[in-house]
Amino acid sequence: MKKYITLLLLFFLFSTPAIIANASDEGYFDGDPGHLPDSWYKLPEDNMANKSLAATAASGEVEAGNPRLSRSFERVMDTNEEIMSRLSSSTTEASDDKTLAPKKHWRLTWISTLFTVSSSGLMGLITGKGTTSLHLWWRKKILPNNKELQPPTESTPTVAISPRMSDSQLTSELEPAIKLALASKKVSDPKKFRDDVHVAAKNFRAVVKDLSNLKSANDRCWWANKFRTDLVLTASGTVMVAPAVTVSMGGEVFVRMEWARLERDNNNKSNSSTGASSDKTELGKFVNAMISNIEKIAATAENENNPIQFNGIRVAIGMSAGGTVHVAKLSGSAIGHLYFKSDVCPNKNLDNKSLTAAVDESIWVEAAARPDYIQLAKSEGIPYKFVPATPSLNGDNKSLMGRALYRVNSARFQNGLKKSVRIARYFTNIITKREEKRGERSKWEIFRVWSGFALSLTGTVGVATVSGISQIELEFNRAK
């Protein structure tokens, strides 16, 4: 039986010179080739004095990327590939050495590279704790009859939870993960930790019960296929749901719960034993709104000449005490991460309007209830409502006060999604053009790309920064 070890390699010491080598040259933005345009990562509510950001947000357009940024990004990939080739050569030689014991036979099959963006817009590789802005997965180029290549696997133990699980079954499933967490010696109060995890698991089960009852329309290209909750331990010893889609480097997931729909419901029937549908629940409305918006902008990401194709989105969601499902942002408010994927479109020629005519496509977005945020919402004509704190796992609601939900209409939200796709496409296009130039010199290829974004209360997006939160992530996969 083959065994695999997942290694996360950080190439900061090797790659930093590639990022800043031309920092003294006259750059297109800020005189530095490593900087992103302001509109790529700054949100209107955090830069009220910048009128151009508001204009860009309203239009959904994206500034042209810095040519020097493109070249710097390429140099980072060149340096990383050189290091990977050396590592691969070493592990291959070891695996071919017949004098070694079988347990020493290892092959390097794939590597993950994580980029982030500073608060000033400087893009580089993660060196410690921080939020991922761009995540690349590398593998050796697929060769004929090569059966050893495997897709990346999650290193975090995952508890699979079914909506039909009884409390006793839930306890049995959670116990191995809880024991593993306690064995880390980082949990100061085992009883409280165990209680908090069980509360989170029951909340998770209630959510996936609704999700499992949702119908999957036969004429839709996208569907909700997975729900995940990552539980982290704060410095104070409190268990909470990770607010970001991608858990920050340096943070540690102690328990991961997941529910996945293995295939779409092609018969358009409910999966529940009662046959009742959850399409009219708040969660069902949110899911249908997301699918409608995604399908309307999906064509923006289509590029027949690029083998790396857009086919997935995941979003951090929360639920207010009043039951409103929204895109979560603030600490302690998230309930998990909802995944959407694209299949081969059953009827691509159908008019989108006929698919979404009955769906309210507006999306509630969580943000602080600051006076300047409220003023921005009023000036932009964005409805909002103050929301009470949702009870946290440990009952401490102090950190959840001062929140508001802002209702972003479909036009604004779709412009934001289009902007995220265009920014992500900037990087995937660099990746494929670099491969074309290098040809057979490249022994490695990037087969998966995740790009993380923060969502504004106005509906626009910004690339997730190192100290920010990635609420929405786009997934691109290389076509087989």
Protein backbone atom coordinates (compact mmCIF):
# COMPACT_ATOMS: atom_id res chain seq x y z
CA MET A 1 0.00 0.00 0.00
CA LYS A 2 1.39 3.39 -0.97
CA LYS A 3 1.71 6.07 1.68
CA TYR A 4 1.96 9.79 1.15
CA ILE A 5 3.34 12.61 3.26
CA THR A 6 2.16 16.16 2.66
CA LEU A 7 4.91 18.78 2.96
CA LEU A 8 4.25 22.52 2.83
CA LEU A 9 7.44 24.16 1.60
CA LEU A 10 8.00 27.87 2.02
CA PHE A 11 10.50 29.27 -0.47
CA PHE A 12 10.75 32.76 1.01
CA LEU A 13 14.53 32.83 1.36
CA PHE A 14 14.95 31.76 -2.25
CA SER A 15 12.10 33.73 -3.78
CA THR A 16 12.26 37.13 -2.13
CA PRO A 17 15.05 38.40 -4.40
CA ALA A 18 12.90 37.48 -7.39
CA ILE A 19 10.11 39.66 -6.07
CA ILE A 20 12.09 42.79 -5.24
CA ALA A 21 15.00 42.62 -7.66
CA ASN A 22 13.76 45.60 -9.67
CA ALA A 23 12.30 47.57 -6.80
CA SER A 24 14.46 50.57 -7.72
CA ASP A 25 13.16 50.62 -11.29
CA GLU A 26 10.33 52.89 -12.29
CA GLY A 27 7.27 50.71 -11.76
CA TYR A 28 3.78 51.12 -13.14
CA PHE A 29 2.34 51.27 -9.62
CA ASP A 30 4.11 52.88 -6.63
CA GLY A 31 7.49 52.43 -8.33
CA ASP A 32 7.63 48.82 -7.13
CA PRO A 33 7.03 45.77 -9.34
CA GLY A 34 5.69 43.76 -6.40
CA HIS A 35 2.71 46.01 -5.72
CA LEU A 36 -0.85 45.33 -6.83
CA PRO A 37 -3.02 48.19 -8.10
CA ASP A 38 -4.95 49.85 -5.25
CA SER A 39 -8.30 48.76 -6.64
CA TRP A 40 -7.22 45.11 -6.55
CA TYR A 41 -6.99 44.87 -2.77
CA LYS A 42 -8.43 48.03 -1.14
CA LEU A 43 -12.14 48.11 -0.26
CA PRO A 44 -14.24 51.30 -0.48
CA GLU A 45 -15.27 51.22 3.21
CA ASP A 46 -11.64 51.15 4.32
CA ASN A 47 -10.59 53.95 2.00
CA MET A 48 -13.44 56.45 2.11
CA ALA A 49 -11.32 59.29 0.72
CA ASN A 50 -10.39 57.36 -2.42
CA LYS A 51 -13.16 58.25 -4.87
CA SER A 52 -11.66 56.17 -7.68
CA LEU A 53 -12.20 53.00 -5.65
CA ALA A 54 -15.92 53.71 -5.42
CA ALA A 55 -16.07 54.32 -9.17
CA THR A 56 -14.19 51.10 -9.90
CA ALA A 57 -16.47 49.20 -7.54
CA ALA A 58 -19.57 50.49 -9.30
CA SER A 59 -18.29 49.54 -12.75
CA GLY A 60 -16.83 46.15 -11.91
CA GLU A 61 -13.83 46.95 -14.11
CA VAL A 62 -10.28 45.95 -13.20
CA GLU A 63 -7.16 48.06 -13.67
CA ALA A 64 -4.49 46.66 -15.93
CA GLY A 65 -1.83 44.68 -14.08
CA ASN A 66 1.72 45.90 -13.70
CA PRO A 67 3.98 44.35 -16.40
CA ARG A 68 6.82 44.22 -13.88
CA LEU A 69 4.53 42.43 -11.41
CA SER A 70 3.93 39.82 -14.10
CA ARG A 71 7.66 39.31 -14.64
CA SER A 72 8.32 39.15 -10.90
CA PHE A 73 5.58 36.54 -10.48
CA GLU A 74 7.17 34.50 -13.25
CA ARG A 75 10.60 34.70 -11.60
CA VAL A 76 9.16 33.42 -8.33
CA MET A 77 7.68 30.43 -10.17
CA ASP A 78 10.99 29.82 -11.99
CA THR A 79 12.88 29.81 -8.70
CA ASN A 80 10.35 27.52 -7.06
CA GLU A 81 10.42 25.08 -9.96
CA GLU A 82 14.20 24.94 -9.84
CA ILE A 83 14.09 24.07 -6.13
CA MET A 84 11.33 21.51 -6.68
CA SER A 85 13.34 19.85 -9.43
CA ARG A 86 16.31 19.50 -7.08
CA LEU A 87 14.12 18.07 -4.32
CA SER A 88 12.42 15.75 -6.77
CA SER A 89 15.76 14.52 -8.05
CA SER A 90 16.91 13.77 -4.51
CA THR A 91 13.77 11.86 -3.55
CA THR A 92 13.75 9.95 -6.86
CA GLU A 93 17.34 8.84 -6.33
CA ALA A 94 16.43 7.71 -2.82
CA SER A 95 13.37 5.79 -4.02
CA ASP A 96 15.45 4.03 -6.68
CA ASP A 97 18.11 2.98 -4.19
CA LYS A 98 17.45 -0.75 -3.67
CA THR A 99 19.66 -0.80 -0.57
CA LEU A 100 17.14 1.30 1.35
CA ALA A 101 14.34 -0.29 3.32
CA PRO A 102 10.89 -0.11 1.62
CA LYS A 103 9.67 2.42 4.16
CA LYS A 104 12.35 4.84 2.89
CA HIS A 105 11.09 4.79 -0.69
CA TRP A 106 9.51 8.21 -1.23
CA ARG A 107 8.69 10.23 -4.30
CA LEU A 108 7.89 13.92 -4.44
CA THR A 109 4.50 14.08 -6.19
CA TRP A 110 3.13 17.57 -5.56
CA ILE A 111 4.00 20.82 -3.81
CA SER A 112 1.93 23.75 -2.57
CA THR A 113 3.00 27.41 -2.83
CA LEU A 114 1.18 30.18 -0.93
CA PHE A 115 1.26 33.90 -1.73
CA THR A 116 -0.09 36.77 0.33
CA VAL A 117 -0.51 40.55 -0.02
CA SER A 118 0.64 43.09 2.56
CA SER A 119 -1.48 46.00 3.77
CA SER A 120 0.39 48.21 1.28
CA GLY A 121 -0.32 45.86 -1.63
CA LEU A 122 3.10 44.18 -1.83
CA MET A 123 2.76 40.60 -3.04
CA GLY A 124 5.09 37.90 -1.77
CA LEU A 125 5.28 34.42 -0.29
CA ILE A 126 3.93 33.66 3.16
CA THR A 127 6.66 33.40 5.80
CA GLY A 128 4.54 32.87 8.91
CA LYS A 129 1.07 33.60 10.16
CA GLY A 130 -1.20 35.26 7.64
CA THR A 131 -4.08 34.84 5.21
CA THR A 132 -3.47 33.26 1.82
CA SER A 133 -4.21 35.42 -1.23
CA LEU A 134 -3.14 32.98 -3.95
CA HIS A 135 -2.57 29.24 -3.55
CA LEU A 136 -0.83 27.20 -6.26
CA TRP A 137 -0.60 23.41 -6.42
CA TRP A 138 2.28 21.96 -8.49
CA ARG A 139 2.76 18.42 -9.77
CA LYS A 140 5.13 16.70 -12.13
CA LYS A 141 3.86 16.78 -15.68
CA ILE A 142 1.67 13.78 -16.42
CA LEU A 143 3.51 11.18 -18.46
CA PRO A 144 2.06 8.16 -20.31
CA ASN A 145 1.29 5.25 -17.97
CA ASN A 146 2.19 7.34 -14.92
CA LYS A 147 -0.09 5.98 -12.22
CA GLU A 148 1.67 7.46 -9.21
CA LEU A 149 0.34 11.00 -9.39
CA GLN A 150 -2.32 11.65 -6.78
CA PRO A 151 -4.48 14.69 -6.11
CA PRO A 152 -3.61 16.66 -2.96
CA THR A 153 -5.15 15.31 0.21
CA GLU A 154 -6.07 17.25 3.32
CA SER A 155 -3.66 16.80 6.20
CA THR A 156 -6.31 17.75 8.79
CA PRO A 157 -8.37 14.79 10.08
CA THR A 158 -11.95 15.24 8.89
CA VAL A 159 -15.12 14.14 10.64
CA ALA A 160 -17.79 13.22 8.09
CA ILE A 161 -21.21 14.17 9.44
CA SER A 162 -24.53 13.02 8.03
CA PRO A 163 -27.80 14.90 8.68
CA ARG A 164 -29.35 11.61 9.82
CA MET A 165 -26.80 10.92 12.56
CA SER A 166 -28.16 10.43 16.06
CA ASP A 167 -26.49 12.14 19.03
CA SER A 168 -24.75 8.91 19.99
CA GLN A 169 -23.47 8.40 16.43
CA LEU A 170 -22.27 11.99 16.37
CA THR A 171 -20.36 11.45 19.62
CA SER A 172 -18.70 8.31 18.24
CA GLU A 173 -17.60 10.11 15.07
CA LEU A 174 -16.18 13.09 16.97
CA GLU A 175 -14.31 11.15 19.64
CA PRO A 176 -11.14 10.27 17.62
CA ALA A 177 -10.71 13.92 16.53
CA ILE A 178 -11.29 15.18 20.07
CA LYS A 179 -8.74 12.72 21.50
CA LEU A 180 -6.21 13.78 18.87
CA ALA A 181 -6.73 17.44 19.79
CA LEU A 182 -6.37 16.72 23.51
CA ALA A 183 -3.17 14.79 22.84
CA SER A 184 -1.60 18.00 21.48
CA LYS A 185 -1.48 19.32 25.08
CA LYS A 186 -2.70 22.72 23.82
CA VAL A 187 -6.21 22.38 25.27
CA SER A 188 -6.29 23.85 28.79
CA ASP A 189 -9.85 22.80 29.65
CA PRO A 190 -10.66 19.37 28.13
CA LYS A 191 -14.27 19.27 29.38
CA LYS A 192 -15.09 22.71 27.98
CA PHE A 193 -13.35 21.85 24.71
CA ARG A 194 -15.36 18.64 24.39
CA ASP A 195 -18.64 20.44 25.17
CA ASP A 196 -17.92 23.23 22.67
CA VAL A 197 -17.09 20.75 19.92
CA HIS A 198 -20.34 18.85 20.51
CA VAL A 199 -22.36 22.10 20.37
CA ALA A 200 -20.68 23.02 17.08
CA ALA A 201 -21.31 19.54 15.68
CA LYS A 202 -25.04 19.71 16.46
CA ASN A 203 -25.24 23.13 14.81
CA PHE A 204 -23.39 21.69 11.82
CA ARG A 205 -25.82 18.77 11.59
CA ALA A 206 -28.79 21.17 11.53
CA VAL A 207 -27.26 23.13 8.64
CA VAL A 208 -26.47 20.08 6.52
CA LYS A 209 -29.97 18.74 7.10
CA ASP A 210 -31.26 21.78 5.23
CA LEU A 211 -28.57 21.43 2.57
CA SER A 212 -29.30 17.75 1.99
CA ASN A 213 -32.95 18.61 1.36
CA LEU A 214 -32.22 21.18 -1.32
CA LYS A 215 -33.22 20.27 -4.84
CA SER A 216 -30.65 20.45 -7.65
CA ALA A 217 -32.27 21.83 -10.78
CA ASN A 218 -31.50 19.70 -13.81
CA ASP A 219 -30.94 22.74 -16.05
CA ARG A 220 -28.34 24.43 -13.82
CA CYS A 221 -24.58 24.33 -14.36
CA TRP A 222 -23.64 24.98 -10.72
CA TRP A 223 -24.72 23.34 -7.48
CA ALA A 224 -23.85 23.33 -3.76
CA ASN A 225 -21.81 20.18 -3.19
CA LYS A 226 -20.11 20.55 0.19
CA PHE A 227 -20.23 22.23 3.59
CA ARG A 228 -17.25 22.40 5.95
CA THR A 229 -16.63 23.82 9.41
CA ASP A 230 -13.12 24.25 10.83
CA LEU A 231 -12.89 24.63 14.59
CA VAL A 232 -9.87 26.50 15.93
CA LEU A 233 -8.65 27.16 19.45
CA THR A 234 -8.11 30.82 20.37
CA ALA A 235 -5.35 32.06 22.66
CA SER A 236 -7.88 32.27 25.50
CA GLY A 237 -8.77 28.59 25.06
CA THR A 238 -12.11 29.23 23.37
CA VAL A 239 -13.29 27.02 20.53
CA MET A 240 -14.61 28.99 17.56
CA VAL A 241 -15.43 28.50 13.89
CA ALA A 242 -12.62 29.79 11.67
CA PRO A 243 -14.00 32.95 10.02
CA ALA A 244 -11.85 32.70 6.90
CA VAL A 245 -12.36 30.37 3.97
CA THR A 246 -8.71 29.41 4.14
CA VAL A 247 -7.35 29.10 7.65
CA SER A 248 -4.39 31.40 8.14
CA MET A 249 -0.88 30.03 8.15
CA GLY A 250 0.15 29.64 11.76
CA GLY A 251 -3.40 28.93 12.86
CA GLU A 252 -4.28 25.36 13.77
CA VAL A 253 -7.49 23.50 12.98
CA PHE A 254 -8.30 21.11 15.82
CA VAL A 255 -11.49 19.62 14.44
CA ARG A 256 -12.79 19.71 10.86
CA MET A 257 -16.37 18.68 10.12
CA GLU A 258 -17.55 18.07 6.60
CA TRP A 259 -20.62 17.03 4.65
CA ALA A 260 -20.40 16.37 0.92
CA ARG A 261 -23.01 15.60 -1.70
CA LEU A 262 -21.24 13.06 -3.88
CA GLU A 263 -23.36 13.78 -6.93
CA ARG A 264 -26.05 16.22 -7.90
CA ASP A 265 -29.69 15.19 -7.56
CA ASN A 266 -30.45 14.65 -11.25
CA ASN A 267 -33.97 13.49 -10.48
CA ASN A 268 -34.69 16.87 -8.88
CA LYS A 269 -36.02 15.16 -5.77
CA SER A 270 -35.31 15.82 -2.16
CA ASN A 271 -32.77 13.61 -0.40
CA SER A 272 -34.74 13.66 2.82
CA SER A 273 -36.83 10.72 3.95
CA THR A 274 -39.85 12.98 4.29
CA GLY A 275 -39.53 14.42 0.80
CA ALA A 276 -39.74 17.97 2.18
CA SER A 277 -37.63 20.56 0.38
CA SER A 278 -35.55 23.31 2.01
CA ASP A 279 -35.62 25.61 -1.04
CA LYS A 280 -37.73 28.19 0.80
CA THR A 281 -35.62 28.32 3.96
CA GLU A 282 -33.17 31.19 4.49
CA LEU A 283 -30.30 28.84 3.66
CA GLY A 284 -32.08 27.58 0.56
CA LYS A 285 -32.69 31.16 -0.63
CA PHE A 286 -29.02 32.01 -0.09
CA VAL A 287 -27.85 28.94 -2.03
CA ASN A 288 -30.18 29.65 -4.96
CA ALA A 289 -29.13 33.31 -5.04
CA MET A 290 -25.46 32.35 -5.09
CA ILE A 291 -25.98 29.84 -7.92
CA SER A 292 -27.93 32.35 -10.00
CA ASN A 293 -25.25 35.01 -9.58
CA ILE A 294 -22.38 32.61 -10.27
CA GLU A 295 -23.97 31.27 -13.44
CA LYS A 296 -24.51 34.76 -14.80
CA ILE A 297 -20.83 35.67 -14.46
CA ALA A 298 -19.28 32.28 -15.25
CA ALA A 299 -18.79 33.20 -18.91
CA THR A 300 -16.38 35.92 -17.73
CA ALA A 301 -13.98 33.18 -16.62
CA GLU A 302 -14.22 31.05 -19.75
CA ASN A 303 -11.02 30.94 -21.77
CA GLU A 304 -10.86 28.12 -24.29
CA ASN A 305 -7.13 28.73 -24.81
CA ASN A 306 -6.30 28.32 -21.13
CA PRO A 307 -6.25 24.73 -19.82
CA ILE A 308 -6.76 26.00 -16.25
CA GLN A 309 -10.52 26.43 -15.99
CA PHE A 310 -12.80 28.07 -13.42
CA ASN A 311 -15.03 25.44 -11.78
CA GLY A 312 -15.42 26.13 -8.08
CA ILE A 313 -16.28 28.75 -5.46
CA ARG A 314 -16.38 28.56 -1.70
CA VAL A 315 -17.76 31.18 0.63
CA ALA A 316 -17.72 31.77 4.39
CA ILE A 317 -21.30 31.98 5.64
CA GLY A 318 -22.93 33.03 8.87
CA MET A 319 -26.44 33.08 10.28
CA SER A 320 -27.77 35.92 12.43
CA ALA A 321 -29.91 35.37 15.53
CA GLY A 322 -32.87 36.31 13.35
CA GLY A 323 -32.02 33.55 10.86
CA THR A 324 -30.60 35.67 8.02
CA VAL A 325 -27.91 33.76 6.12
CA HIS A 326 -25.10 36.02 4.94
CA VAL A 327 -21.49 36.18 3.81
CA ALA A 328 -19.60 36.16 7.12
CA LYS A 329 -16.66 38.37 7.97
CA LEU A 330 -16.38 39.24 11.64
CA SER A 331 -14.76 36.99 14.21
CA GLY A 332 -17.12 34.53 15.86
CA SER A 333 -19.96 34.92 13.36
CA ALA A 334 -19.18 32.23 10.76
CA ILE A 335 -20.89 28.85 10.82
CA GLY A 336 -18.81 27.27 8.06
CA HIS A 337 -17.74 27.30 4.43
CA LEU A 338 -20.15 26.50 1.62
CA TYR A 339 -18.74 25.04 -1.60
CA PHE A 340 -20.17 25.36 -5.10
CA LYS A 341 -18.94 23.43 -8.12
CA SER A 342 -19.60 23.38 -11.83
CA ASP A 343 -20.47 20.32 -13.87
CA VAL A 344 -20.79 20.06 -17.61
CA CYS A 345 -23.71 22.38 -18.17
CA PRO A 346 -26.83 20.27 -18.90
CA ASN A 347 -28.33 22.90 -21.19
CA LYS A 348 -25.82 25.68 -21.83
CA ASN A 349 -27.96 27.35 -24.44
CA LEU A 350 -30.84 28.06 -22.09
CA ASP A 351 -31.58 31.71 -21.45
CA ASN A 352 -30.27 32.56 -17.98
CA LYS A 353 -33.31 34.73 -17.34
CA SER A 354 -35.55 31.69 -17.57
CA LEU A 355 -33.47 29.98 -14.91
CA THR A 356 -33.36 32.79 -12.40
CA ALA A 357 -36.55 34.76 -12.91
CA ALA A 358 -38.07 33.63 -9.61
CA VAL A 359 -34.87 33.94 -7.55
CA ASP A 360 -34.03 36.94 -5.39
CA GLU A 361 -30.36 37.31 -6.26
CA SER A 362 -29.47 39.89 -3.62
CA ILE A 363 -26.94 38.82 -0.99
CA TRP A 364 -26.60 39.89 2.63
CA VAL A 365 -23.01 40.83 3.54
CA GLU A 366 -21.77 41.18 7.10
CA ALA A 367 -19.63 44.13 8.16
CA ALA A 368 -19.13 46.30 11.21
CA ALA A 369 -21.87 48.76 12.14
CA ARG A 370 -19.44 51.68 12.13
CA PRO A 371 -20.86 55.17 11.49
CA ASP A 372 -18.67 55.65 8.40
CA TYR A 373 -19.80 52.27 7.01
CA ILE A 374 -23.44 53.20 7.58
CA GLN A 375 -22.84 56.54 5.87
CA LEU A 376 -21.28 54.79 2.88
CA ALA A 377 -24.27 52.44 2.65
CA LYS A 378 -26.67 55.39 2.73
CA SER A 379 -24.74 57.29 0.06
CA GLU A 380 -24.68 54.21 -2.20
CA GLY A 381 -28.36 53.36 -1.61
CA ILE A 382 -27.54 50.04 0.05
CA PRO A 383 -30.17 48.78 2.53
CA TYR A 384 -28.85 47.61 5.90
CA LYS A 385 -30.04 46.35 9.23
CA PHE A 386 -28.44 46.08 12.65
CA VAL A 387 -28.33 42.54 13.96
CA PRO A 388 -28.09 41.15 17.47
CA ALA A 389 -25.18 38.95 18.32
CA THR A 390 -25.52 35.29 17.43
CA PRO A 391 -24.80 33.20 20.54
CA SER A 392 -21.23 31.97 20.33
CA LEU A 393 -20.13 28.48 21.34
CA ASN A 394 -19.01 29.63 24.78
CA GLY A 395 -21.83 32.14 25.31
CA ASP A 396 -19.54 35.18 25.20
CA ASN A 397 -21.11 37.65 22.77
CA LYS A 398 -18.98 40.71 23.49
CA SER A 399 -16.86 40.28 20.37
CA LEU A 400 -19.97 39.90 18.21
CA MET A 401 -21.60 43.23 19.02
CA GLY A 402 -21.68 46.19 16.66
CA ARG A 403 -22.54 44.23 13.52
CA ALA A 404 -24.75 45.07 10.58
CA LEU A 405 -25.92 43.23 7.48
CA TYR A 406 -25.86 45.09 4.17
CA ARG A 407 -28.08 43.98 1.31
CA VAL A 408 -26.11 43.91 -1.92
CA ASN A 409 -28.23 43.72 -5.07
CA SER A 410 -27.45 41.31 -7.91
CA ALA A 411 -25.85 43.91 -10.20
CA ARG A 412 -23.34 44.96 -7.53
CA PHE A 413 -22.58 41.41 -6.43
CA GLN A 414 -22.14 40.15 -9.98
CA ASN A 415 -19.77 43.04 -10.73
CA GLY A 416 -17.78 42.00 -7.67
CA LEU A 417 -17.64 38.37 -8.83
CA LYS A 418 -16.59 39.46 -12.32
CA LYS A 419 -13.80 41.53 -10.81
CA SER A 420 -12.56 38.56 -8.76
CA VAL A 421 -12.54 36.36 -11.86
CA ARG A 422 -10.58 38.93 -13.89
CA ILE A 423 -7.95 39.29 -11.17
CA ALA A 424 -7.62 35.52 -10.79
CA ARG A 425 -7.42 35.17 -14.57
CA TYR A 426 -4.52 37.64 -14.60
CA PHE A 427 -2.45 35.11 -12.66
CA THR A 428 -3.67 31.96 -14.43
CA ASN A 429 -2.85 33.56 -17.78
CA ILE A 430 0.69 34.31 -16.58
CA ILE A 431 1.00 30.69 -15.49
CA THR A 432 -0.02 29.22 -18.83
CA LYS A 433 2.00 31.72 -20.92
CA ARG A 434 5.08 30.87 -18.86
CA GLU A 435 4.51 27.16 -19.53
CA GLU A 436 4.22 27.80 -23.25
CA LYS A 437 7.51 29.71 -23.26
CA ARG A 438 9.39 27.09 -21.26
CA GLY A 439 7.97 24.13 -23.16
CA GLU A 440 9.77 20.86 -22.40
CA ARG A 441 12.19 22.63 -20.05
CA SER A 442 9.43 22.58 -17.42
CA LYS A 443 9.07 19.25 -15.68
CA TRP A 444 6.40 20.61 -13.35
CA GLU A 445 2.98 22.15 -13.95
CA ILE A 446 0.44 24.02 -11.85
CA PHE A 447 -2.77 22.03 -11.83
CA ARG A 448 -4.88 23.90 -9.27
CA VAL A 449 -5.21 27.56 -8.28
CA TRP A 450 -7.19 29.11 -5.43
CA SER A 451 -7.57 32.88 -5.28
CA GLY A 452 -8.97 34.51 -2.12
CA PHE A 453 -10.97 37.73 -1.84
CA ALA A 454 -12.54 39.94 0.79
CA LEU A 455 -16.10 41.10 0.04
CA SER A 456 -17.09 44.74 0.51
CA LEU A 457 -20.44 45.91 1.85
CA THR A 458 -20.81 47.59 -1.57
CA GLY A 459 -20.50 44.27 -3.40
CA THR A 460 -17.04 44.77 -4.85
CA VAL A 461 -14.08 42.61 -3.83
CA GLY A 462 -10.44 42.98 -2.92
CA VAL A 463 -7.63 40.44 -2.92
CA ALA A 464 -7.34 39.05 0.63
CA THR A 465 -4.43 40.63 2.50
CA VAL A 466 -2.11 39.01 5.03
CA SER A 467 -4.01 40.44 8.01
CA GLY A 468 -7.46 40.25 6.42
CA ILE A 469 -10.03 37.53 5.87
CA SER A 470 -10.72 35.60 2.69
CA GLN A 471 -14.50 35.34 2.47
CA ILE A 472 -14.77 34.13 -1.11
CA GLU A 473 -12.35 31.91 -2.99
CA LEU A 474 -12.34 30.95 -6.64
CA GLU A 475 -11.03 27.56 -7.71
CA PHE A 476 -9.38 26.88 -11.07
CA ASN A 477 -8.38 23.36 -12.14
CA ARG A 478 -6.35 22.12 -15.07
CA ALA A 479 -8.52 20.26 -17.54
CA LYS A 480 -7.54 16.60 -17.74
